[in-house]
C-alpha atoms as a PDB file:
ATOM      1  CA  MET A   1      -6.538   8.644  -3.839  1.00  0.00           C
ATOM      2  CA  LYS A   2      -8.288   7.118  -0.840  1.00  0.00           C
ATOM      3  CA  ALA A   3      -7.981   3.926   1.168  1.00  0.00           C
ATOM      4  CA  THR A   4      -9.366   0.852  -0.591  1.00  0.00           C
ATOM      5  CA  THR A   5     -12.507  -0.353   1.188  1.00  0.00           C
ATOM      6  CA  ASN A   6     -14.830  -1.053  -1.740  1.00  0.00           C
ATOM      7  CA  LEU A   7     -14.967  -4.606  -3.130  1.00  0.00           C
ATOM      8  CA  GLN A   8     -15.455  -3.440  -6.726  1.00  0.00           C
ATOM      9  CA  ASP A   9     -12.481  -1.057  -6.556  1.00  0.00           C
ATOM     10  CA  PHE A  10     -10.280  -3.741  -5.001  1.00  0.00           C
ATOM     11  CA  ALA A  11     -11.306  -6.320  -7.617  1.00  0.00           C
ATOM     12  CA  GLN A  12     -10.692  -3.855 -10.457  1.00  0.00           C
ATOM     13  CA  MET A  13      -7.256  -2.877  -9.162  1.00  0.00           C
ATOM     14  CA  ASN A  14      -6.171  -6.493  -8.890  1.00  0.00           C
ATOM     15  CA  TRP A  15      -7.784  -7.481 -12.194  1.00  0.00           C
ATOM     16  CA  ASN A  16      -5.653  -4.818 -13.847  1.00  0.00           C
ATOM     17  CA  ALA A  17      -2.597  -6.255 -12.043  1.00  0.00           C
ATOM     18  CA  ASN A  18      -3.479  -9.749 -13.354  1.00  0.00           C
ATOM     19  CA  ALA A  19      -4.045 -11.179  -9.870  1.00  0.00           C
ATOM     20  CA  TYR A  20      -6.427 -14.109  -9.336  1.00  0.00           C
ATOM     21  CA  GLY A  21      -5.298 -15.811 -12.529  1.00  0.00           C
ATOM     22  CA  PHE A  22      -6.858 -13.275 -14.889  1.00  0.00           C
ATOM     23  CA  LYS A  23      -4.399 -13.652 -17.758  1.00  0.00           C
ATOM     24  CA  LEU A  24      -5.371 -10.818 -20.081  1.00  0.00           C
ATOM     25  CA  ASP A  25      -2.980  -8.343 -21.630  1.00  0.00           C
ATOM     26  CA  MET A  26      -4.570  -5.298 -20.025  1.00  0.00           C
ATOM     27  CA  SER A  27      -2.780  -2.960 -22.426  1.00  0.00           C
ATOM     28  CA  LYS A  28      -5.110  -4.355 -25.109  1.00  0.00           C
ATOM     29  CA  TYR A  29      -8.206  -4.040 -22.910  1.00  0.00           C
ATOM     30  CA  PRO A  30      -7.725  -0.888 -20.797  1.00  0.00           C
ATOM     31  CA  SER A  31     -11.430  -0.214 -20.337  1.00  0.00           C
ATOM     32  CA  ILE A  32     -12.570  -3.635 -19.096  1.00  0.00           C
ATOM     33  CA  THR A  33     -14.610  -3.390 -15.928  1.00  0.00           C
ATOM     34  CA  VAL A  34     -14.763  -6.387 -13.620  1.00  0.00           C
ATOM     35  CA  ASP A  35     -18.306  -7.700 -13.298  1.00  0.00           C
ATOM     36  CA  LEU A  36     -18.246  -9.508  -9.949  1.00  0.00           C
ATOM     37  CA  ASN A  37     -21.656 -11.034 -10.701  1.00  0.00           C
ATOM     38  CA  ALA A  38     -20.161 -12.803 -13.723  1.00  0.00           C
ATOM     39  CA  GLN A  39     -17.183 -14.283 -11.838  1.00  0.00           C
ATOM     40  CA  ILE A  40     -16.805 -17.773 -10.455  1.00  0.00           C
ATOM     41  CA  PRO A  41     -18.037 -17.662  -6.812  1.00  0.00           C
ATOM     42  CA  SER A  42     -14.700 -18.903  -5.458  1.00  0.00           C
ATOM     43  CA  VAL A  43     -12.915 -15.967  -7.133  1.00  0.00           C
ATOM     44  CA  VAL A  44     -15.382 -13.497  -5.607  1.00  0.00           C
ATOM     45  CA  ARG A  45     -14.867 -15.094  -2.173  1.00  0.00           C
ATOM     46  CA  GLN A  46     -11.097 -14.751  -2.592  1.00  0.00           C
ATOM     47  CA  VAL A  47     -11.416 -11.081  -3.528  1.00  0.00           C
ATOM     48  CA  GLU A  48     -13.645 -10.533  -0.471  1.00  0.00           C
ATOM     49  CA  THR A  49     -11.149 -12.344   1.774  1.00  0.00           C
ATOM     50  CA  ASP A  50      -8.209 -10.336   0.458  1.00  0.00           C
ATOM     51  CA  LEU A  51     -10.043  -7.038   0.891  1.00  0.00           C
ATOM     52  CA  GLN A  52     -10.693  -7.970   4.534  1.00  0.00           C
ATOM     53  CA  LEU A  53      -6.996  -8.864   4.933  1.00  0.00           C
ATOM     54  CA  LEU A  54      -6.076  -5.428   3.547  1.00  0.00           C
ATOM     55  CA  ILE A  55      -8.430  -3.695   5.988  1.00  0.00           C
ATOM     56  CA  LEU A  56      -7.057  -5.718   8.944  1.00  0.00           C
ATOM     57  CA  ARG A  57      -3.481  -4.867   7.968  1.00  0.00           C
ATOM     58  CA  GLY A  58      -4.415  -1.188   7.796  1.00  0.00           C
ATOM     59  CA  GLN A  59      -5.944  -1.419  11.281  1.00  0.00           C
ATOM     60  CA  ALA A  60      -2.765  -3.073  12.591  1.00  0.00           C
ATOM     61  CA  LEU A  61      -0.704  -0.259  11.060  1.00  0.00           C
ATOM     62  CA  ASP A  62      -2.931   2.340  12.755  1.00  0.00           C
ATOM     63  CA  LYS A  63      -2.010   0.867  16.160  1.00  0.00           C
ATOM     64  CA  ARG A  64       1.688   1.602  15.583  1.00  0.00           C
ATOM     65  CA  GLN A  65       2.886   4.763  17.306  1.00  0.00           C
ATOM     66  CA  GLY A  66       5.246   7.377  15.893  1.00  0.00           C
ATOM     67  CA  ILE A  67       6.577   7.572  12.381  1.00  0.00           C
ATOM     68  CA  ARG A  68       6.410   4.364  10.341  1.00  0.00           C
ATOM     69  CA  VAL A  69       7.739   3.028   7.065  1.00  0.00           C
ATOM     70  CA  GLY A  70       5.267   4.154   4.395  1.00  0.00           C
ATOM     71  CA  ASP A  71       4.262   7.428   6.069  1.00  0.00           C
ATOM     72  CA  TYR A  72       4.488  10.603   4.001  1.00  0.00           C
ATOM     73  CA  ILE A  73       6.874  13.516   4.477  1.00  0.00           C
ATOM     74  CA  ASN A  74       6.186  16.997   3.106  1.00  0.00           C
ATOM     75  CA  HIS A  75       9.669  18.443   2.663  1.00  0.00           C
ATOM     76  CA  LYS A  76      10.531  22.135   2.978  1.00  0.00           C
ATOM     77  CA  ASN A  77      11.422  22.242  -0.723  1.00  0.00           C
ATOM     78  CA  GLY A  78       7.807  21.365  -1.642  1.00  0.00           C
ATOM     79  CA  THR A  79       8.327  17.698  -2.514  1.00  0.00           C
ATOM     80  CA  THR A  80       6.512  14.820  -0.843  1.00  0.00           C
ATOM     81  CA  THR A  81       8.132  11.433  -0.273  1.00  0.00           C
ATOM     82  CA  ARG A  82       7.436   8.329   1.775  1.00  0.00           C
ATOM     83  CA  VAL A  83       9.467   6.851   4.617  1.00  0.00           C
ATOM     84  CA  THR A  84      11.505   3.929   3.311  1.00  0.00           C
ATOM     85  CA  MET A  85      13.711   2.939   6.267  1.00  0.00           C
ATOM     86  CA  LEU A  86      13.797   3.751   9.977  1.00  0.00           C
ATOM     87  CA  HIS A  87      17.029   4.072  11.982  1.00  0.00           C
ATOM     88  CA  ASP A  88      17.486   5.024  15.651  1.00  0.00           C
ATOM     89  CA  GLU A  89      17.170   8.807  15.353  1.00  0.00           C
ATOM     90  CA  LYS A  90      17.108   9.146  11.584  1.00  0.00           C
ATOM     91  CA  LEU A  91      15.079   7.856   8.704  1.00  0.00           C
ATOM     92  CA  GLN A  92      15.444   7.528   4.987  1.00  0.00           C
ATOM     93  CA  ALA A  93      12.764   8.619   2.554  1.00  0.00           C
ATOM     94  CA  GLY A  94      12.281   8.441  -1.164  1.00  0.00           C
ATOM     95  CA  GLY A  95       9.857   5.739  -2.044  1.00  0.00           C
ATOM     96  CA  GLY A  96       9.078   7.066  -5.475  1.00  0.00           C
ATOM     97  CA  SER A  97       9.333   3.937  -7.562  1.00  0.00           C
ATOM     98  CA  GLY A  98       9.616   1.034  -5.125  1.00  0.00           C
ATOM     99  CA  SER A  99       7.007  -1.104  -3.462  1.00  0.00           C
ATOM    100  CA  TYR A 100       5.739  -1.421   0.097  1.00  0.00           C
ATOM    101  CA  TYR A 101       4.898  -4.888   1.428  1.00  0.00           C
ATOM    102  CA  ILE A 102       2.625  -4.872   4.494  1.00  0.00           C
ATOM    103  CA  SER A 103       2.715  -7.769   6.949  1.00  0.00           C
ATOM    104  CA  LYS A 104      -0.119  -9.128   9.094  1.00  0.00           C
ATOM    105  CA  ASP A 105       1.000  -7.033  12.056  1.00  0.00           C
ATOM    106  CA  GLY A 106       1.061  -3.778  10.098  1.00  0.00           C
ATOM    107  CA  CYS A 107       4.827  -3.562   9.567  1.00  0.00           C
ATOM    108  CA  LEU A 108       6.008  -2.396   6.167  1.00  0.00           C
ATOM    109  CA  SER A 109       9.048  -3.377   4.185  1.00  0.00           C
ATOM    110  CA  TYR A 110      10.205  -1.183   1.329  1.00  0.00           C
ATOM    111  CA  SER A 111      11.951  -2.409  -1.789  1.00  0.00           C
ATOM    112  CA  GLY A 112      13.578   0.298  -3.874  1.00  0.00           C
ATOM    113  CA  GLY A 113      15.982   3.227  -3.720  1.00  0.00           C
ATOM    114  CA  LEU A 114      16.677   5.265  -0.601  1.00  0.00           C
ATOM    115  CA  ASP A 115      17.545   8.930  -0.143  1.00  0.00           C
ATOM    116  CA  SER A 116      20.084  10.237   2.382  1.00  0.00           C
ATOM    117  CA  PRO A 117      19.105   9.972   6.069  1.00  0.00           C
ATOM    118  CA  ILE A 118      17.293  12.848   7.772  1.00  0.00           C
ATOM    119  CA  PRO A 119      16.898  13.349  11.554  1.00  0.00           C
ATOM    120  CA  THR A 120      13.473  12.363  12.886  1.00  0.00           C
ATOM    121  CA  ASN A 121      13.454  15.384  15.216  1.00  0.00           C
ATOM    122  CA  THR A 122      13.083  17.623  12.131  1.00  0.00           C
ATOM    123  CA  LEU A 123       9.602  16.209  11.432  1.00  0.00           C
ATOM    124  CA  GLN A 124       6.249  17.212  12.874  1.00  0.00           C
ATOM    125  CA  GLU A 125       3.150  15.017  12.604  1.00  0.00           C
ATOM    126  CA  THR A 126       0.044  16.580  11.059  1.00  0.00           C
ATOM    127  CA  THR A 127      -3.588  15.487  11.381  1.00  0.00           C
ATOM    128  CA  GLU A 128      -3.676  14.733   7.660  1.00  0.00           C
ATOM    129  CA  LYS A 129      -3.929  11.189   6.291  1.00  0.00           C
ATOM    130  CA  LYS A 130      -2.872  10.177   2.804  1.00  0.00           C
ATOM    131  CA  ALA A 131      -3.530   6.882   1.031  1.00  0.00           C
ATOM    132  CA  GLY A 132      -0.505   4.892  -0.057  1.00  0.00           C
ATOM    133  CA  LEU A 133      -0.209   1.769  -2.197  1.00  0.00           C
ATOM    134  CA  VAL A 134       0.810  -1.475  -0.462  1.00  0.00           C
ATOM    135  CA  TRP A 135       0.849  -5.123  -1.433  1.00  0.00           C
ATOM    136  CA  PHE A 136       0.659  -8.508   0.294  1.00  0.00           C
ATOM    137  CA  PHE A 137       0.204 -12.139  -0.677  1.00  0.00           C
ATOM    138  CA  SER A 138      -3.333 -13.241  -1.536  1.00  0.00           C
ATOM    139  CA  ASP A 139      -4.845 -15.332   1.268  1.00  0.00           C
ATOM    140  CA  ASN A 140      -1.558 -14.894   3.208  1.00  0.00           C
ATOM    141  CA  TRP A 141       0.020 -17.547   0.990  1.00  0.00           C
ATOM    142  CA  ALA A 142       3.411 -16.565  -0.429  1.00  0.00           C
ATOM    143  CA  GLY A 143       4.150 -17.526  -4.016  1.00  0.00           C
ATOM    144  CA  ALA A 144       4.761 -16.273  -7.505  1.00  0.00           C
ATOM    145  CA  SER A 145       1.981 -14.135  -9.017  1.00  0.00           C
ATOM    146  CA  ARG A 146       0.074 -14.017  -5.697  1.00  0.00           C
ATOM    147  CA  GLY A 147       0.606 -10.341  -4.858  1.00  0.00           C
ATOM    148  CA  VAL A 148      -2.505  -8.214  -4.407  1.00  0.00           C
ATOM    149  CA  TYR A 149      -2.579  -4.445  -4.065  1.00  0.00           C
ATOM    150  CA  GLY A 150      -4.605  -1.859  -2.233  1.00  0.00           C
ATOM    151  CA  TYR A 151      -4.454   1.595  -0.676  1.00  0.00           C
ATOM    152  CA  ILE A 152      -4.377   2.236   3.061  1.00  0.00           C
ATOM    153  CA  ASP A 153      -4.133   5.504   4.982  1.00  0.00           C
ATOM    154  CA  PHE A 154      -0.780   6.757   6.253  1.00  0.00           C
ATOM    155  CA  LYS A 155       0.260   9.598   8.530  1.00  0.00           C
ATOM    156  CA  VAL A 156       1.688  12.785   7.050  1.00  0.00           C
ATOM    157  CA  PHE A 157       4.654  14.643   8.566  1.00  0.00           C
ATOM    158  CA  ASN A 158       5.992  18.099   7.735  1.00  0.00           C
ATOM    159  CA  GLU A 159       9.701  18.819   7.673  1.00  0.00           C
ATOM    160  CA  ILE A 160      10.385  21.762  10.012  1.00  0.00           C
END
């Protein structure tokens, strides 16, 4: 998976998630491809706006130093998880089935189960980046059925 920067990919992902008022049962139509040329111009503008919001949030995240909620951890036992909660000198990981909300300033909030804490001094940052799924409210307007999704790049840490 890679970071979402392509308008078509972003539109398709959010079409499949029934964002933008597309009320189709996608289980009945798994192979539908969004034709942006056939959409109402205001919907296309909204998709473009939300993609830019995703990119800006990813840039804000990149400015944050150290380990962050959402970053990946390669554990010694061969598993990979994501950071779910930061504490003073420990963190919790897991992140297998929850969701990561990303705010305007690049902070993430995780909703889901947490594993036991691990000391942050047992982790070493790599040069690798890995895309992770995040969500935010379309057009920065909170409300029911307004979540949109995309992938942004996260740091990867190895457990030592």
